[in-house]
Amino acid sequence: MTAKLLGAFARCFEDEFSAVRAEACVAAGRLRIGDGRIVDRLRGVISDDPIHRVKALAIQGLTHLVNIGET
């Protein structure tokens, strides 16, 4: 992912629509975007998002990133 796209993608984690935040979490995990900014955004969603489904998807996404070395 280019630096230009990474910034736009990182902003998705703070979108007003929970569906956008949820899909950002899924995409980060599936694409295995282990950039520190994205990891920080996932952690922020886990601790601060008011929607439990979004929190769960952030946990799943972060799990995929943690398991990068194991696959």
N, C-alpha and C. Protein backbone atom coordinates (compact mmCIF):
# COMPACT_ATOMS: atom_id res chain seq x y z
N MET A 1 0.85 -1.16 0.00
CA MET A 1 0.00 0.00 0.00
C MET A 1 0.90 1.23 0.00
N THR A 2 0.58 2.19 -0.82
CA THR A 2 1.39 3.40 -0.89
C THR A 2 1.13 4.30 0.31
N ALA A 3 2.06 5.19 0.56
CA ALA A 3 1.92 6.12 1.69
C ALA A 3 0.69 6.99 1.54
N LYS A 4 0.38 7.36 0.32
CA LYS A 4 -0.79 8.21 0.07
C LYS A 4 -2.08 7.47 0.41
N LEU A 5 -2.17 6.21 0.02
CA LEU A 5 -3.35 5.42 0.33
C LEU A 5 -3.43 5.05 1.80
N LEU A 6 -2.28 4.87 2.43
CA LEU A 6 -2.25 4.48 3.82
C LEU A 6 -2.90 5.54 4.71
N GLY A 7 -2.66 6.80 4.41
CA GLY A 7 -3.28 7.88 5.18
C GLY A 7 -4.79 7.89 5.05
N ALA A 8 -5.26 7.71 3.82
CA ALA A 8 -6.70 7.66 3.59
C ALA A 8 -7.32 6.44 4.26
N PHE A 9 -6.64 5.32 4.19
CA PHE A 9 -7.13 4.10 4.82
C PHE A 9 -7.19 4.27 6.35
N ALA A 10 -6.17 4.89 6.93
CA ALA A 10 -6.13 5.09 8.38
C ALA A 10 -7.31 5.93 8.85
N ARG A 11 -7.75 6.88 8.04
CA ARG A 11 -8.88 7.72 8.42
C ARG A 11 -10.19 6.94 8.48
N CYS A 12 -10.26 5.81 7.78
CA CYS A 12 -11.48 4.99 7.79
C CYS A 12 -11.80 4.47 9.19
N PHE A 13 -10.79 4.31 10.03
CA PHE A 13 -11.01 3.79 11.38
C PHE A 13 -11.72 4.81 12.27
N GLU A 14 -11.81 6.05 11.82
CA GLU A 14 -12.47 7.11 12.58
C GLU A 14 -13.72 7.62 11.88
N ASP A 15 -14.18 6.90 10.88
CA ASP A 15 -15.35 7.34 10.11
C ASP A 15 -16.59 7.34 11.00
N GLU A 16 -17.54 8.20 10.66
CA GLU A 16 -18.77 8.29 11.46
C GLU A 16 -19.66 7.07 11.30
N PHE A 17 -19.51 6.33 10.20
CA PHE A 17 -20.34 5.16 9.96
C PHE A 17 -19.63 3.90 10.45
N SER A 18 -20.32 3.15 11.28
CA SER A 18 -19.72 1.95 11.85
C SER A 18 -19.38 0.92 10.78
N ALA A 19 -20.14 0.88 9.69
CA ALA A 19 -19.86 -0.08 8.61
C ALA A 19 -18.50 0.20 7.97
N VAL A 20 -18.13 1.46 7.85
CA VAL A 20 -16.83 1.82 7.28
C VAL A 20 -15.72 1.39 8.24
N ARG A 21 -15.92 1.67 9.53
CA ARG A 21 -14.92 1.26 10.52
C ARG A 21 -14.76 -0.25 10.55
N ALA A 22 -15.89 -0.96 10.47
CA ALA A 22 -15.86 -2.42 10.49
C ALA A 22 -15.09 -2.97 9.29
N GLU A 23 -15.37 -2.46 8.12
CA GLU A 23 -14.69 -2.94 6.91
C GLU A 23 -13.21 -2.59 6.91
N ALA A 24 -12.85 -1.47 7.52
CA ALA A 24 -11.43 -1.11 7.65
C ALA A 24 -10.71 -2.14 8.51
N CYS A 25 -11.36 -2.59 9.57
CA CYS A 25 -10.77 -3.62 10.43
C CYS A 25 -10.58 -4.93 9.69
N VAL A 26 -11.60 -5.30 8.92
CA VAL A 26 -11.53 -6.54 8.14
C VAL A 26 -10.41 -6.44 7.10
N ALA A 27 -10.37 -5.32 6.39
CA ALA A 27 -9.37 -5.13 5.34
C ALA A 27 -7.95 -5.15 5.90
N ALA A 28 -7.75 -4.51 7.04
CA ALA A 28 -6.41 -4.49 7.65
C ALA A 28 -5.93 -5.91 7.95
N GLY A 29 -6.82 -6.73 8.44
CA GLY A 29 -6.45 -8.11 8.74
C GLY A 29 -6.23 -8.95 7.51
N ARG A 30 -7.13 -8.84 6.55
CA ARG A 30 -7.02 -9.66 5.34
C ARG A 30 -5.83 -9.27 4.48
N LEU A 31 -5.56 -7.97 4.42
CA LEU A 31 -4.42 -7.50 3.63
C LEU A 31 -3.11 -7.53 4.42
N ARG A 32 -3.24 -7.85 5.71
CA ARG A 32 -2.08 -7.93 6.61
C ARG A 32 -1.24 -6.66 6.58
N ILE A 33 -1.93 -5.55 6.80
CA ILE A 33 -1.27 -4.25 6.82
C ILE A 33 -0.73 -4.02 8.23
N GLY A 34 0.52 -4.36 8.42
CA GLY A 34 1.14 -4.30 9.74
C GLY A 34 1.81 -2.99 10.06
N ASP A 35 1.53 -1.94 9.30
CA ASP A 35 2.10 -0.63 9.57
C ASP A 35 1.70 -0.18 10.98
N GLY A 36 2.61 0.46 11.67
CA GLY A 36 2.37 0.88 13.04
C GLY A 36 1.15 1.77 13.20
N ARG A 37 0.88 2.63 12.23
CA ARG A 37 -0.29 3.51 12.31
C ARG A 37 -1.58 2.70 12.28
N ILE A 38 -1.60 1.67 11.46
CA ILE A 38 -2.80 0.84 11.36
C ILE A 38 -2.98 0.01 12.62
N VAL A 39 -1.90 -0.53 13.15
CA VAL A 39 -1.98 -1.28 14.41
C VAL A 39 -2.51 -0.37 15.52
N ASP A 40 -2.02 0.85 15.58
CA ASP A 40 -2.50 1.81 16.58
C ASP A 40 -3.98 2.11 16.40
N ARG A 41 -4.41 2.23 15.15
CA ARG A 41 -5.84 2.49 14.88
C ARG A 41 -6.70 1.31 15.31
N LEU A 42 -6.23 0.10 15.04
CA LEU A 42 -6.98 -1.08 15.47
C LEU A 42 -7.08 -1.13 17.00
N ARG A 43 -5.99 -0.83 17.67
CA ARG A 43 -6.01 -0.80 19.14
C ARG A 43 -6.96 0.28 19.65
N GLY A 44 -6.99 1.41 18.97
CA GLY A 44 -7.91 2.48 19.35
C GLY A 44 -9.37 2.06 19.19
N VAL A 45 -9.67 1.36 18.10
CA VAL A 45 -11.02 0.87 17.89
C VAL A 45 -11.40 -0.12 18.99
N ILE A 46 -10.47 -0.99 19.32
CA ILE A 46 -10.74 -1.99 20.37
C ILE A 46 -11.08 -1.32 21.69
N SER A 47 -10.38 -0.26 22.02
CA SER A 47 -10.60 0.37 23.31
C SER A 47 -11.69 1.44 23.32
N ASP A 48 -11.98 2.07 22.17
CA ASP A 48 -12.86 3.23 22.19
C ASP A 48 -14.15 3.12 21.39
N ASP A 49 -14.27 2.19 20.47
CA ASP A 49 -15.45 2.17 19.60
C ASP A 49 -16.69 1.77 20.40
N PRO A 50 -17.80 2.47 20.20
CA PRO A 50 -19.02 2.16 20.96
C PRO A 50 -19.77 0.93 20.43
N ILE A 51 -19.42 0.45 19.24
CA ILE A 51 -20.13 -0.67 18.63
C ILE A 51 -19.33 -1.96 18.89
N HIS A 52 -19.95 -2.90 19.58
CA HIS A 52 -19.25 -4.14 19.95
C HIS A 52 -18.82 -4.95 18.74
N ARG A 53 -19.62 -4.96 17.68
CA ARG A 53 -19.27 -5.70 16.46
C ARG A 53 -17.98 -5.16 15.85
N VAL A 54 -17.85 -3.84 15.84
CA VAL A 54 -16.64 -3.21 15.29
C VAL A 54 -15.43 -3.56 16.15
N LYS A 55 -15.61 -3.56 17.46
CA LYS A 55 -14.52 -3.94 18.37
C LYS A 55 -14.09 -5.38 18.08
N ALA A 56 -15.06 -6.28 17.90
CA ALA A 56 -14.74 -7.68 17.63
C ALA A 56 -13.97 -7.83 16.32
N LEU A 57 -14.36 -7.08 15.30
CA LEU A 57 -13.66 -7.14 14.01
C LEU A 57 -12.25 -6.56 14.13
N ALA A 58 -12.08 -5.56 14.96
CA ALA A 58 -10.74 -5.00 15.19
C ALA A 58 -9.85 -6.02 15.88
N ILE A 59 -10.42 -6.75 16.82
CA ILE A 59 -9.65 -7.80 17.50
C ILE A 59 -9.24 -8.88 16.49
N GLN A 60 -10.16 -9.28 15.63
CA GLN A 60 -9.85 -10.27 14.60
C GLN A 60 -8.77 -9.76 13.66
N GLY A 61 -8.89 -8.50 13.24
CA GLY A 61 -7.90 -7.92 12.34
C GLY A 61 -6.52 -7.87 12.98
N LEU A 62 -6.48 -7.47 14.23
CA LEU A 62 -5.20 -7.41 14.94
C LEU A 62 -4.62 -8.81 15.13
N THR A 63 -5.47 -9.78 15.34
CA THR A 63 -5.02 -11.17 15.48
C THR A 63 -4.34 -11.64 14.20
N HIS A 64 -4.89 -11.28 13.05
CA HIS A 64 -4.27 -11.65 11.77
C HIS A 64 -2.88 -11.01 11.64
N LEU A 65 -2.74 -9.80 12.14
CA LEU A 65 -1.45 -9.11 12.04
C LEU A 65 -0.42 -9.72 12.99
N VAL A 66 -0.86 -10.14 14.16
CA VAL A 66 0.04 -10.75 15.12
C VAL A 66 0.53 -12.10 14.62
N ASN A 67 -0.32 -12.79 13.90
CA ASN A 67 0.00 -14.14 13.41
C ASN A 67 0.72 -14.14 12.08
N ILE A 68 1.23 -13.02 11.62
CA ILE A 68 1.91 -12.95 10.34
C ILE A 68 3.11 -13.90 10.31
N GLY A 69 3.90 -13.91 11.34
CA GLY A 69 5.09 -14.75 11.36
C GLY A 69 4.81 -16.23 11.51
N GLU A 70 3.59 -16.56 11.89
CA GLU A 70 3.24 -17.96 12.15
C GLU A 70 2.69 -18.67 10.91
N THR A 71 2.38 -17.94 9.84
CA THR A 71 1.78 -18.57 8.66
C THR A 71 2.80 -18.82 7.60
